[in-house]
Amino acid sequence: MTSLTESGLMMGSVVTPASGSSLRAAASAAEQPPVAVLQVVGGHGAGLSVPLRPGRVRLGRGAEADVRIECPAASRLHCEFEVHEDGRVDVTDLGSRNGTDLNGARLTGTARAVAPRT
C-alpha cells in the first residue's frame, strides 16, 4: 500500500501520468518496473509520484484504499485505476460523493486515462 497521507493532495490537485525518466527512476525502486506513474503536478502534493504496476489501484481517503489521500472532499474509496501491461490506464469513479473528473469532464463510467504505449 502506498500512503499519500502527508502529501497535501486536495480537491483541485492535478494528477497526470508520467513516462520516460520518471518511469525509469520509479523502476529502480522495485523489482517489476511500473507501467505508469501517477504524478501530482498541481496543488499541495505537487512533485509526488506513485509507481503503478499492472492491476487495480483504488484511490481514496479510507484505510481500504491502495493509494490514500488526506482530503475531506475525497470519498473513502473514490476512484479506481485499471493498469494494463501495455501502458493503458482506465479510471472509474467508485460512486464517490463529489465525482471524478478526467481531462475536465465528469466520469459517468470507465474511461481511458492513458493510451497504450506504441
PDB file of N, CA and C in Angstrom:
ATOM      1  N   MET A   1       0.844  -1.164   0.000  1.00  0.00           N
ATOM      2  CA  MET A   1       0.000   0.000   0.000  1.00  0.00           C
ATOM      3  C   MET A   1       0.891   1.228   0.000  1.00  0.00           C
ATOM      4  N   THR A   2       0.523   2.241  -0.780  1.00  0.00           N
ATOM      5  CA  THR A   2       1.238   3.497  -0.834  1.00  0.00           C
ATOM      6  C   THR A   2       0.390   4.556  -0.168  1.00  0.00           C
ATOM      7  N   SER A   3       0.946   5.266   0.798  1.00  0.00           N
ATOM      8  CA  SER A   3       0.192   6.290   1.500  1.00  0.00           C
ATOM      9  C   SER A   3       0.584   7.675   1.012  1.00  0.00           C
ATOM     10  N   LEU A   4      -0.416   8.458   0.671  1.00  0.00           N
ATOM     11  CA  LEU A   4      -0.196   9.848   0.288  1.00  0.00           C
ATOM     12  C   LEU A   4      -0.705  10.773   1.383  1.00  0.00           C
ATOM     13  N   THR A   5      -0.877  10.225   2.574  1.00  0.00           N
ATOM     14  CA  THR A   5      -1.481  10.955   3.674  1.00  0.00           C
ATOM     15  C   THR A   5      -0.818  12.292   3.938  1.00  0.00           C
ATOM     16  N   GLU A   6       0.489  12.336   3.846  1.00  0.00           N
ATOM     17  CA  GLU A   6       1.208  13.568   4.155  1.00  0.00           C
ATOM     18  C   GLU A   6       1.476  14.419   2.917  1.00  0.00           C
ATOM     19  N   SER A   7       0.887  14.094   1.800  1.00  0.00           N
ATOM     20  CA  SER A   7       1.188  14.794   0.554  1.00  0.00           C
ATOM     21  C   SER A   7       0.522  16.157   0.450  1.00  0.00           C
ATOM     22  N   GLY A   8      -0.592  16.343   1.142  1.00  0.00           N
ATOM     23  CA  GLY A   8      -1.334  17.584   0.985  1.00  0.00           C
ATOM     24  C   GLY A   8      -2.218  17.588  -0.247  1.00  0.00           C
ATOM     25  N   LEU A   9      -2.332  16.455  -0.941  1.00  0.00           N
ATOM     26  CA  LEU A   9      -3.198  16.362  -2.109  1.00  0.00           C
ATOM     27  C   LEU A   9      -4.606  16.749  -1.694  1.00  0.00           C
ATOM     28  N   MET A  10      -5.220  17.650  -2.435  1.00  0.00           N
ATOM     29  CA  MET A  10      -6.541  18.129  -2.060  1.00  0.00           C
ATOM     30  C   MET A  10      -7.388  18.326  -3.302  1.00  0.00           C
ATOM     31  N   MET A  11      -8.647  18.624  -3.110  1.00  0.00           N
ATOM     32  CA  MET A  11      -9.548  18.858  -4.217  1.00  0.00           C
ATOM     33  C   MET A  11      -8.967  19.960  -5.085  1.00  0.00           C
ATOM     34  N   GLY A  12      -8.921  19.727  -6.379  1.00  0.00           N
ATOM     35  CA  GLY A  12      -8.334  20.690  -7.291  1.00  0.00           C
ATOM     36  C   GLY A  12      -6.911  20.342  -7.681  1.00  0.00           C
ATOM     37  N   SER A  13      -6.287  19.364  -7.006  1.00  0.00           N
ATOM     38  CA  SER A  13      -4.954  18.933  -7.401  1.00  0.00           C
ATOM     39  C   SER A  13      -5.034  18.302  -8.776  1.00  0.00           C
ATOM     40  N   VAL A  14      -3.978  18.436  -9.537  1.00  0.00           N
ATOM     41  CA  VAL A  14      -3.933  17.883 -10.882  1.00  0.00           C
ATOM     42  C   VAL A  14      -2.953  16.725 -10.878  1.00  0.00           C
ATOM     43  N   VAL A  15      -3.396  15.562 -11.357  1.00  0.00           N
ATOM     44  CA  VAL A  15      -2.569  14.363 -11.396  1.00  0.00           C
ATOM     45  C   VAL A  15      -2.473  13.917 -12.838  1.00  0.00           C
ATOM     46  N   THR A  16      -1.252  13.590 -13.286  1.00  0.00           N
ATOM     47  CA  THR A  16      -1.050  13.190 -14.672  1.00  0.00           C
ATOM     48  C   THR A  16      -0.081  12.015 -14.730  1.00  0.00           C
ATOM     49  N   PRO A  17      -0.210  11.143 -15.734  1.00  0.00           N
ATOM     50  CA  PRO A  17       0.751  10.050 -15.857  1.00  0.00           C
ATOM     51  C   PRO A  17       2.099  10.581 -16.308  1.00  0.00           C
ATOM     52  N   ALA A  18       3.151   9.892 -15.942  1.00  0.00           N
ATOM     53  CA  ALA A  18       4.492  10.272 -16.353  1.00  0.00           C
ATOM     54  C   ALA A  18       5.083   9.169 -17.213  1.00  0.00           C
ATOM     55  N   SER A  19       6.154   9.477 -17.903  1.00  0.00           N
ATOM     56  CA  SER A  19       6.832   8.465 -18.709  1.00  0.00           C
ATOM     57  C   SER A  19       8.314   8.787 -18.751  1.00  0.00           C
ATOM     58  N   GLY A  20       9.042   8.023 -19.517  1.00  0.00           N
ATOM     59  CA  GLY A  20      10.461   8.283 -19.715  1.00  0.00           C
ATOM     60  C   GLY A  20      11.265   8.187 -18.443  1.00  0.00           C
ATOM     61  N   SER A  21      11.979   9.254 -18.094  1.00  0.00           N
ATOM     62  CA  SER A  21      12.882   9.225 -16.943  1.00  0.00           C
ATOM     63  C   SER A  21      12.138   8.984 -15.640  1.00  0.00           C
ATOM     64  N   SER A  22      10.906   9.473 -15.511  1.00  0.00           N
ATOM     65  CA  SER A  22      10.124   9.237 -14.298  1.00  0.00           C
ATOM     66  C   SER A  22       9.846   7.751 -14.116  1.00  0.00           C
ATOM     67  N   LEU A  23       9.537   7.051 -15.215  1.00  0.00           N
ATOM     68  CA  LEU A  23       9.299   5.611 -15.138  1.00  0.00           C
ATOM     69  C   LEU A  23      10.578   4.876 -14.767  1.00  0.00           C
ATOM     70  N   ARG A  24      11.701   5.259 -15.368  1.00  0.00           N
ATOM     71  CA  ARG A  24      12.965   4.583 -15.060  1.00  0.00           C
ATOM     72  C   ARG A  24      13.356   4.789 -13.603  1.00  0.00           C
ATOM     73  N   ALA A  25      13.177   5.993 -13.078  1.00  0.00           N
ATOM     74  CA  ALA A  25      13.524   6.272 -11.683  1.00  0.00           C
ATOM     75  C   ALA A  25      12.657   5.453 -10.739  1.00  0.00           C
ATOM     76  N   ALA A  26      11.361   5.359 -11.033  1.00  0.00           N
ATOM     77  CA  ALA A  26      10.465   4.580 -10.187  1.00  0.00           C
ATOM     78  C   ALA A  26      10.786   3.094 -10.287  1.00  0.00           C
ATOM     79  N   ALA A  27      11.216   2.630 -11.448  1.00  0.00           N
ATOM     80  CA  ALA A  27      11.523   1.217 -11.644  1.00  0.00           C
ATOM     81  C   ALA A  27      12.720   0.787 -10.808  1.00  0.00           C
ATOM     82  N   SER A  28      13.652   1.677 -10.584  1.00  0.00           N
ATOM     83  CA  SER A  28      14.840   1.302  -9.832  1.00  0.00           C
ATOM     84  C   SER A  28      14.509   0.993  -8.378  1.00  0.00           C
ATOM     85  N   ALA A  29      13.357   1.438  -7.902  1.00  0.00           N
ATOM     86  CA  ALA A  29      12.961   1.225  -6.514  1.00  0.00           C
ATOM     87  C   ALA A  29      12.218  -0.092  -6.302  1.00  0.00           C
ATOM     88  N   ALA A  30      11.923  -0.843  -7.358  1.00  0.00           N
ATOM     89  CA  ALA A  30      11.159  -2.078  -7.219  1.00  0.00           C
ATOM     90  C   ALA A  30      11.619  -3.106  -8.243  1.00  0.00           C
ATOM     91  N   GLU A  31      11.278  -4.375  -7.987  1.00  0.00           N
ATOM     92  CA  GLU A  31      11.639  -5.448  -8.904  1.00  0.00           C
ATOM     93  C   GLU A  31      10.987  -5.274 -10.265  1.00  0.00           C
ATOM     94  N   GLN A  32       9.678  -5.216 -10.285  1.00  0.00           N
ATOM     95  CA  GLN A  32       8.933  -5.093 -11.533  1.00  0.00           C
ATOM     96  C   GLN A  32       8.771  -3.617 -11.866  1.00  0.00           C
ATOM     97  N   PRO A  33       9.192  -3.211 -13.049  1.00  0.00           N
ATOM     98  CA  PRO A  33       9.054  -1.789 -13.379  1.00  0.00           C
ATOM     99  C   PRO A  33       7.583  -1.392 -13.485  1.00  0.00           C
ATOM    100  N   PRO A  34       7.276  -0.168 -13.119  1.00  0.00           N
ATOM    101  CA  PRO A  34       5.893   0.285 -13.247  1.00  0.00           C
ATOM    102  C   PRO A  34       5.525   0.458 -14.708  1.00  0.00           C
ATOM    103  N   VAL A  35       4.250   0.348 -14.981  1.00  0.00           N
ATOM    104  CA  VAL A  35       3.728   0.557 -16.320  1.00  0.00           C
ATOM    105  C   VAL A  35       3.454   2.044 -16.528  1.00  0.00           C
ATOM    106  N   ALA A  36       3.093   2.714 -15.447  1.00  0.00           N
ATOM    107  CA  ALA A  36       2.806   4.140 -15.480  1.00  0.00           C
ATOM    108  C   ALA A  36       3.155   4.706 -14.106  1.00  0.00           C
ATOM    109  N   VAL A  37       3.178   6.008 -14.015  1.00  0.00           N
ATOM    110  CA  VAL A  37       3.427   6.674 -12.745  1.00  0.00           C
ATOM    111  C   VAL A  37       2.328   7.706 -12.545  1.00  0.00           C
ATOM    112  N   LEU A  38       1.666   7.629 -11.399  1.00  0.00           N
ATOM    113  CA  LEU A  38       0.682   8.628 -11.013  1.00  0.00           C
ATOM    114  C   LEU A  38       1.485   9.784 -10.436  1.00  0.00           C
ATOM    115  N   GLN A  39       1.456  10.926 -11.100  1.00  0.00           N
ATOM    116  CA  GLN A  39       2.311  12.043 -10.722  1.00  0.00           C
ATOM    117  C   GLN A  39       1.449  13.265 -10.432  1.00  0.00           C
ATOM    118  N   VAL A  40       1.610  13.829  -9.241  1.00  0.00           N
ATOM    119  CA  VAL A  40       0.869  15.021  -8.848  1.00  0.00           C
ATOM    120  C   VAL A  40       1.610  16.230  -9.412  1.00  0.00           C
ATOM    121  N   VAL A  41       0.945  16.986 -10.273  1.00  0.00           N
ATOM    122  CA  VAL A  41       1.590  18.129 -10.919  1.00  0.00           C
ATOM    123  C   VAL A  41       1.007  19.468 -10.487  1.00  0.00           C
ATOM    124  N   GLY A  42       0.032  19.449  -9.580  1.00  0.00           N
ATOM    125  CA  GLY A  42      -0.555  20.692  -9.088  1.00  0.00           C
ATOM    126  C   GLY A  42      -1.096  20.504  -7.695  1.00  0.00           C
ATOM    127  N   GLY A  43      -1.334  21.590  -7.001  1.00  0.00           N
ATOM    128  CA  GLY A  43      -1.838  21.531  -5.634  1.00  0.00           C
ATOM    129  C   GLY A  43      -0.718  21.309  -4.647  1.00  0.00           C
ATOM    130  N   HIS A  44      -1.078  21.076  -3.389  1.00  0.00           N
ATOM    131  CA  HIS A  44      -0.084  20.920  -2.330  1.00  0.00           C
ATOM    132  C   HIS A  44       0.801  19.696  -2.493  1.00  0.00           C
ATOM    133  N   GLY A  45       0.336  18.686  -3.193  1.00  0.00           N
ATOM    134  CA  GLY A  45       1.120  17.461  -3.363  1.00  0.00           C
ATOM    135  C   GLY A  45       2.011  17.469  -4.588  1.00  0.00           C
ATOM    136  N   ALA A  46       2.154  18.619  -5.245  1.00  0.00           N
ATOM    137  CA  ALA A  46       2.938  18.703  -6.479  1.00  0.00           C
ATOM    138  C   ALA A  46       4.318  18.082  -6.292  1.00  0.00           C
ATOM    139  N   GLY A  47       4.716  17.260  -7.268  1.00  0.00           N
ATOM    140  CA  GLY A  47       6.016  16.622  -7.246  1.00  0.00           C
ATOM    141  C   GLY A  47       5.982  15.194  -6.744  1.00  0.00           C
ATOM    142  N   LEU A  48       4.897  14.773  -6.134  1.00  0.00           N
ATOM    143  CA  LEU A  48       4.776  13.417  -5.611  1.00  0.00           C
ATOM    144  C   LEU A  48       4.490  12.439  -6.745  1.00  0.00           C
ATOM    145  N   SER A  49       5.153  11.282  -6.747  1.00  0.00           N
ATOM    146  CA  SER A  49       4.947  10.254  -7.768  1.00  0.00           C
ATOM    147  C   SER A  49       4.670   8.912  -7.106  1.00  0.00           C
ATOM    148  N   VAL A  50       3.732   8.162  -7.683  1.00  0.00           N
ATOM    149  CA  VAL A  50       3.396   6.823  -7.201  1.00  0.00           C
ATOM    150  C   VAL A  50       3.486   5.876  -8.392  1.00  0.00           C
ATOM    151  N   PRO A  51       4.431   4.903  -8.371  1.00  0.00           N
ATOM    152  CA  PRO A  51       4.531   3.948  -9.478  1.00  0.00           C
ATOM    153  C   PRO A  51       3.292   3.054  -9.537  1.00  0.00           C
ATOM    154  N   LEU A  52       2.800   2.814 -10.744  1.00  0.00           N
ATOM    155  CA  LEU A  52       1.628   1.962 -10.951  1.00  0.00           C
ATOM    156  C   LEU A  52       2.042   0.727 -11.731  1.00  0.00           C
ATOM    157  N   ARG A  53       1.810  -0.423 -11.149  1.00  0.00           N
ATOM    158  CA  ARG A  53       2.087  -1.700 -11.794  1.00  0.00           C
ATOM    159  C   ARG A  53       0.773  -2.297 -12.283  1.00  0.00           C
ATOM    160  N   PRO A  54       0.816  -3.268 -13.187  1.00  0.00           N
ATOM    161  CA  PRO A  54      -0.424  -3.851 -13.699  1.00  0.00           C
ATOM    162  C   PRO A  54      -1.342  -4.337 -12.576  1.00  0.00           C
ATOM    163  N   GLY A  55      -2.617  -4.069 -12.752  1.00  0.00           N
ATOM    164  CA  GLY A  55      -3.623  -4.466 -11.772  1.00  0.00           C
ATOM    165  C   GLY A  55      -4.529  -3.292 -11.445  1.00  0.00           C
ATOM    166  N   ARG A  56      -5.310  -3.452 -10.392  1.00  0.00           N
ATOM    167  CA  ARG A  56      -6.246  -2.409  -9.966  1.00  0.00           C
ATOM    168  C   ARG A  56      -5.673  -1.659  -8.787  1.00  0.00           C
ATOM    169  N   VAL A  57      -5.810  -0.351  -8.843  1.00  0.00           N
ATOM    170  CA  VAL A  57      -5.334   0.526  -7.774  1.00  0.00           C
ATOM    171  C   VAL A  57      -6.490   1.444  -7.406  1.00  0.00           C
ATOM    172  N   ARG A  58      -6.912   1.375  -6.133  1.00  0.00           N
ATOM    173  CA  ARG A  58      -8.022   2.213  -5.663  1.00  0.00           C
ATOM    174  C   ARG A  58      -7.472   3.404  -4.886  1.00  0.00           C
ATOM    175  N   LEU A  59      -7.985   4.584  -5.210  1.00  0.00           N
ATOM    176  CA  LEU A  59      -7.562   5.830  -4.575  1.00  0.00           C
ATOM    177  C   LEU A  59      -8.689   6.354  -3.697  1.00  0.00           C
ATOM    178  N   GLY A  60      -8.343   6.812  -2.509  1.00  0.00           N
ATOM    179  CA  GLY A  60      -9.338   7.379  -1.604  1.00  0.00           C
ATOM    180  C   GLY A  60      -8.707   7.743  -0.279  1.00  0.00           C
ATOM    181  N   ARG A  61      -9.522   8.190   0.661  1.00  0.00           N
ATOM    182  CA  ARG A  61      -9.000   8.600   1.965  1.00  0.00           C
ATOM    183  C   ARG A  61      -9.135   7.513   3.030  1.00  0.00           C
ATOM    184  N   GLY A  62      -9.810   6.410   2.703  1.00  0.00           N
ATOM    185  CA  GLY A  62     -10.020   5.343   3.671  1.00  0.00           C
ATOM    186  C   GLY A  62      -8.872   4.353   3.729  1.00  0.00           C
ATOM    187  N   ALA A  63      -8.832   3.597   4.820  1.00  0.00           N
ATOM    188  CA  ALA A  63      -7.778   2.609   5.027  1.00  0.00           C
ATOM    189  C   ALA A  63      -7.792   1.513   3.964  1.00  0.00           C
ATOM    190  N   GLU A  64      -8.943   1.261   3.345  1.00  0.00           N
ATOM    191  CA  GLU A  64      -9.037   0.215   2.335  1.00  0.00           C
ATOM    192  C   GLU A  64      -8.497   0.644   0.973  1.00  0.00           C
ATOM    193  N   ALA A  65      -8.169   1.914   0.791  1.00  0.00           N
ATOM    194  CA  ALA A  65      -7.613   2.412  -0.473  1.00  0.00           C
ATOM    195  C   ALA A  65      -6.154   1.978  -0.610  1.00  0.00           C
ATOM    196  N   ASP A  66      -5.742   1.691  -1.840  1.00  0.00           N
ATOM    197  CA  ASP A  66      -4.348   1.344  -2.114  1.00  0.00           C
ATOM    198  C   ASP A  66      -3.469   2.594  -2.078  1.00  0.00           C
ATOM    199  N   VAL A  67      -3.997   3.692  -2.597  1.00  0.00           N
ATOM    200  CA  VAL A  67      -3.324   4.988  -2.550  1.00  0.00           C
ATOM    201  C   VAL A  67      -4.206   5.890  -1.696  1.00  0.00           C
ATOM    202  N   ARG A  68      -3.701   6.246  -0.521  1.00  0.00           N
ATOM    203  CA  ARG A  68      -4.505   7.030   0.426  1.00  0.00           C
ATOM    204  C   ARG A  68      -4.175   8.506   0.307  1.00  0.00           C
ATOM    205  N   ILE A  69      -5.233   9.320   0.328  1.00  0.00           N
ATOM    206  CA  ILE A  69      -5.077  10.769   0.300  1.00  0.00           C
ATOM    207  C   ILE A  69      -5.842  11.375   1.468  1.00  0.00           C
ATOM    208  N   GLU A  70      -5.299  12.404   2.044  1.00  0.00           N
ATOM    209  CA  GLU A  70      -5.968  13.141   3.113  1.00  0.00           C
ATOM    210  C   GLU A  70      -6.668  14.327   2.472  1.00  0.00           C
ATOM    211  N   CYS A  71      -7.912  14.149   2.171  1.00  0.00           N
ATOM    212  CA  CYS A  71      -8.688  15.203   1.528  1.00  0.00           C
ATOM    213  C   CYS A  71     -10.148  14.999   1.909  1.00  0.00           C
ATOM    214  N   PRO A  72     -10.748  15.943   2.621  1.00  0.00           N
ATOM    215  CA  PRO A  72     -12.140  15.754   3.035  1.00  0.00           C
ATOM    216  C   PRO A  72     -13.117  15.648   1.860  1.00  0.00           C
ATOM    217  N   ALA A  73     -12.743  16.152   0.689  1.00  0.00           N
ATOM    218  CA  ALA A  73     -13.624  16.068  -0.475  1.00  0.00           C
ATOM    219  C   ALA A  73     -13.555  14.706  -1.153  1.00  0.00           C
ATOM    220  N   ALA A  74     -12.564  13.890  -0.793  1.00  0.00           N
ATOM    221  CA  ALA A  74     -12.428  12.557  -1.385  1.00  0.00           C
ATOM    222  C   ALA A  74     -13.227  11.548  -0.568  1.00  0.00           C
ATOM    223  N   SER A  75     -13.811  10.599  -1.255  1.00  0.00           N
ATOM    224  CA  SER A  75     -14.523   9.513  -0.588  1.00  0.00           C
ATOM    225  C   SER A  75     -13.520   8.490  -0.071  1.00  0.00           C
ATOM    226  N   ARG A  76     -13.998   7.615   0.837  1.00  0.00           N
ATOM    227  CA  ARG A  76     -13.097   6.576   1.356  1.00  0.00           C
ATOM    228  C   ARG A  76     -12.525   5.742   0.223  1.00  0.00           C
ATOM    229  N   LEU A  77     -13.357   5.337  -0.720  1.00  0.00           N
ATOM    230  CA  LEU A  77     -12.911   4.743  -1.981  1.00  0.00           C
ATOM    231  C   LEU A  77     -13.459   5.641  -3.071  1.00  0.00           C
ATOM    232  N   HIS A  78     -12.607   6.432  -3.677  1.00  0.00           N
ATOM    233  CA  HIS A  78     -13.051   7.487  -4.586  1.00  0.00           C
ATOM    234  C   HIS A  78     -13.060   7.029  -6.045  1.00  0.00           C
ATOM    235  N   CYS A  79     -11.919   6.533  -6.520  1.00  0.00           N
ATOM    236  CA  CYS A  79     -11.852   6.062  -7.895  1.00  0.00           C
ATOM    237  C   CYS A  79     -10.862   4.914  -7.988  1.00  0.00           C
ATOM    238  N   GLU A  80     -10.913   4.225  -9.124  1.00  0.00           N
ATOM    239  CA  GLU A  80     -10.063   3.053  -9.326  1.00  0.00           C
ATOM    240  C   GLU A  80      -9.372   3.160 -10.673  1.00  0.00           C
ATOM    241  N   PHE A  81      -8.085   2.827 -10.681  1.00  0.00           N
ATOM    242  CA  PHE A  81      -7.305   2.775 -11.909  1.00  0.00           C
ATOM    243  C   PHE A  81      -7.085   1.312 -12.269  1.00  0.00           C
ATOM    244  N   GLU A  82      -7.379   0.943 -13.504  1.00  0.00           N
ATOM    245  CA  GLU A  82      -7.052  -0.386 -14.020  1.00  0.00           C
ATOM    246  C   GLU A  82      -5.820  -0.196 -14.894  1.00  0.00           C
ATOM    247  N   VAL A  83      -4.701  -0.738 -14.436  1.00  0.00           N
ATOM    248  CA  VAL A  83      -3.420  -0.551 -15.105  1.00  0.00           C
ATOM    249  C   VAL A  83      -3.115  -1.812 -15.902  1.00  0.00           C
ATOM    250  N   HIS A  84      -2.920  -1.663 -17.218  1.00  0.00           N
ATOM    251  CA  HIS A  84      -2.666  -2.789 -18.118  1.00  0.00           C
ATOM    252  C   HIS A  84      -1.174  -2.850 -18.453  1.00  0.00           C
ATOM    253  N   GLU A  85      -0.687  -4.046 -18.760  1.00  0.00           N
ATOM    254  CA  GLU A  85       0.733  -4.229 -19.047  1.00  0.00           C
ATOM    255  C   GLU A  85       1.218  -3.430 -20.244  1.00  0.00           C
ATOM    256  N   ASP A  86       0.331  -3.120 -21.201  1.00  0.00           N
ATOM    257  CA  ASP A  86       0.749  -2.377 -22.391  1.00  0.00           C
ATOM    258  C   ASP A  86       0.780  -0.864 -22.165  1.00  0.00           C
ATOM    259  N   GLY A  87       0.538  -0.424 -20.930  1.00  0.00           N
ATOM    260  CA  GLY A  87       0.592   1.002 -20.620  1.00  0.00           C
ATOM    261  C   GLY A  87      -0.756   1.692 -20.565  1.00  0.00           C
ATOM    262  N   ARG A  88      -1.825   0.993 -20.973  1.00  0.00           N
ATOM    263  CA  ARG A  88      -3.156   1.594 -20.859  1.00  0.00           C
ATOM    264  C   ARG A  88      -3.523   1.745 -19.402  1.00  0.00           C
ATOM    265  N   VAL A  89      -4.199   2.845 -19.086  1.00  0.00           N
ATOM    266  CA  VAL A  89      -4.731   3.050 -17.747  1.00  0.00           C
ATOM    267  C   VAL A  89      -6.162   3.543 -17.901  1.00  0.00           C
ATOM    268  N   ASP A  90      -7.100   2.804 -17.312  1.00  0.00           N
ATOM    269  CA  ASP A  90      -8.508   3.189 -17.316  1.00  0.00           C
ATOM    270  C   ASP A  90      -8.867   3.642 -15.908  1.00  0.00           C
ATOM    271  N   VAL A  91      -9.765   4.617 -15.810  1.00  0.00           N
ATOM    272  CA  VAL A  91     -10.184   5.114 -14.499  1.00  0.00           C
ATOM    273  C   VAL A  91     -11.708   5.022 -14.391  1.00  0.00           C
ATOM    274  N   THR A  92     -12.167   4.654 -13.199  1.00  0.00           N
ATOM    275  CA  THR A  92     -13.600   4.518 -12.919  1.00  0.00           C
ATOM    276  C   THR A  92     -13.899   5.203 -11.593  1.00  0.00           C
ATOM    277  N   ASP A  93     -14.926   6.029 -11.563  1.00  0.00           N
ATOM    278  CA  ASP A  93     -15.394   6.599 -10.300  1.00  0.00           C
ATOM    279  C   ASP A  93     -16.098   5.481  -9.534  1.00  0.00           C
ATOM    280  N   LEU A  94     -15.860   5.405  -8.233  1.00  0.00           N
ATOM    281  CA  LEU A  94     -16.444   4.336  -7.413  1.00  0.00           C
ATOM    282  C   LEU A  94     -17.659   4.822  -6.630  1.00  0.00           C
ATOM    283  N   GLY A  95     -18.480   5.672  -7.251  1.00  0.00           N
ATOM    284  CA  GLY A  95     -19.659   6.189  -6.577  1.00  0.00           C
ATOM    285  C   GLY A  95     -19.312   7.260  -5.552  1.00  0.00           C
ATOM    286  N   SER A  96     -18.245   7.984  -5.808  1.00  0.00           N
ATOM    287  CA  SER A  96     -17.787   8.998  -4.861  1.00  0.00           C
ATOM    288  C   SER A  96     -18.816  10.117  -4.703  1.00  0.00           C
ATOM    289  N   ARG A  97     -18.793  10.742  -3.548  1.00  0.00           N
ATOM    290  CA  ARG A  97     -19.729  11.816  -3.222  1.00  0.00           C
ATOM    291  C   ARG A  97     -19.560  13.015  -4.163  1.00  0.00           C
ATOM    292  N   ASN A  98     -18.321  13.373  -4.492  1.00  0.00           N
ATOM    293  CA  ASN A  98     -18.056  14.558  -5.307  1.00  0.00           C
ATOM    294  C   ASN A  98     -17.698  14.252  -6.751  1.00  0.00           C
ATOM    295  N   GLY A  99     -17.719  12.983  -7.139  1.00  0.00           N
ATOM    296  CA  GLY A  99     -17.426  12.609  -8.513  1.00  0.00           C
ATOM    297  C   GLY A  99     -15.947  12.681  -8.835  1.00  0.00           C
ATOM    298  N   THR A 100     -15.616  12.177 -10.008  1.00  0.00           N
ATOM    299  CA  THR A 100     -14.243  12.167 -10.508  1.00  0.00           C
ATOM    300  C   THR A 100     -14.235  12.799 -11.884  1.00  0.00           C
ATOM    301  N   ASP A 101     -13.330  13.737 -12.085  1.00  0.00           N
ATOM    302  CA  ASP A 101     -13.184  14.387 -13.385  1.00  0.00           C
ATOM    303  C   ASP A 101     -11.942  13.864 -14.078  1.00  0.00           C
ATOM    304  N   LEU A 102     -12.016  13.703 -15.395  1.00  0.00           N
ATOM    305  CA  LEU A 102     -10.885  13.295 -16.212  1.00  0.00           C
ATOM    306  C   LEU A 102     -10.786  14.273 -17.371  1.00  0.00           C
ATOM    307  N   ASN A 103      -9.674  14.971 -17.449  1.00  0.00           N
ATOM    308  CA  ASN A 103      -9.458  15.974 -18.502  1.00  0.00           C
ATOM    309  C   ASN A 103     -10.603  16.989 -18.556  1.00  0.00           C
ATOM    310  N   GLY A 104     -11.070  17.391 -17.389  1.00  0.00           N
ATOM    311  CA  GLY A 104     -12.102  18.418 -17.302  1.00  0.00           C
ATOM    312  C   GLY A 104     -13.523  17.925 -17.473  1.00  0.00           C
ATOM    313  N   ALA A 105     -13.722  16.640 -17.690  1.00  0.00           N
ATOM    314  CA  ALA A 105     -15.073  16.089 -17.873  1.00  0.00           C
ATOM    315  C   ALA A 105     -15.390  15.114 -16.743  1.00  0.00           C
ATOM    316  N   ARG A 106     -16.628  15.155 -16.259  1.00  0.00           N
ATOM    317  CA  ARG A 106     -17.083  14.262 -15.190  1.00  0.00           C
ATOM    318  C   ARG A 106     -17.221  12.844 -15.734  1.00  0.00           C
ATOM    319  N   LEU A 107     -16.658  11.876 -15.031  1.00  0.00           N
ATOM    320  CA  LEU A 107     -16.780  10.473 -15.432  1.00  0.00           C
ATOM    321  C   LEU A 107     -18.191   9.974 -15.170  1.00  0.00           C
ATOM    322  N   THR A 108     -18.722   9.230 -16.109  1.00  0.00           N
ATOM    323  CA  THR A 108     -20.026   8.597 -15.929  1.00  0.00           C
ATOM    324  C   THR A 108     -19.900   7.081 -15.984  1.00  0.00           C
ATOM    325  N   GLY A 109     -18.722   6.595 -16.258  1.00  0.00           N
ATOM    326  CA  GLY A 109     -18.422   5.162 -16.310  1.00  0.00           C
ATOM    327  C   GLY A 109     -16.911   5.028 -16.324  1.00  0.00           C
ATOM    328  N   THR A 110     -16.424   4.008 -16.949  1.00  0.00           N
ATOM    329  CA  THR A 110     -14.974   3.826 -17.080  1.00  0.00           C
ATOM    330  C   THR A 110     -14.492   4.565 -18.309  1.00  0.00           C
ATOM    331  N   ALA A 111     -13.345   5.231 -18.175  1.00  0.00           N
ATOM    332  CA  ALA A 111     -12.770   5.976 -19.305  1.00  0.00           C
ATOM    333  C   ALA A 111     -11.279   5.701 -19.385  1.00  0.00           C
ATOM    334  N   ARG A 112     -10.753   5.789 -20.582  1.00  0.00           N
ATOM    335  CA  ARG A 112      -9.319   5.625 -20.804  1.00  0.00           C
ATOM    336  C   ARG A 112      -8.600   6.890 -20.360  1.00  0.00           C
ATOM    337  N   ALA A 113      -7.709   6.740 -19.396  1.00  0.00           N
ATOM    338  CA  ALA A 113      -6.935   7.876 -18.886  1.00  0.00           C
ATOM    339  C   ALA A 113      -5.598   7.992 -19.598  1.00  0.00           C
ATOM    340  N   VAL A 114      -5.033   6.849 -19.979  1.00  0.00           N
ATOM    341  CA  VAL A 114      -3.743   6.816 -20.681  1.00  0.00           C
ATOM    342  C   VAL A 114      -3.847   5.796 -21.795  1.00  0.00           C
ATOM    343  N   ALA A 115      -3.396   6.188 -22.996  1.00  0.00           N
ATOM    344  CA  ALA A 115      -3.416   5.286 -24.154  1.00  0.00           C
ATOM    345  C   ALA A 115      -2.253   4.304 -24.061  1.00  0.00           C
ATOM    346  N   PRO A 116      -2.326   3.172 -24.775  1.00  0.00           N
ATOM    347  CA  PRO A 116      -1.217   2.208 -24.749  1.00  0.00           C
ATOM    348  C   PRO A 116       0.043   2.800 -25.356  1.00  0.00           C
ATOM    349  N   ARG A 117       1.182   2.276 -24.893  1.00  0.00           N
ATOM    350  CA  ARG A 117       2.461   2.697 -25.461  1.00  0.00           C
ATOM    351  C   ARG A 117       2.558   2.174 -26.882  1.00  0.00           C
ATOM    352  N   THR A 118       3.279   2.890 -27.695  1.00  0.00           N
ATOM    353  CA  THR A 118       3.474   2.440 -29.077  1.00  0.00           C
ATOM    354  C   THR A 118       4.902   2.046 -29.320  1.00  0.00           C
TER     355      THR A 118
END
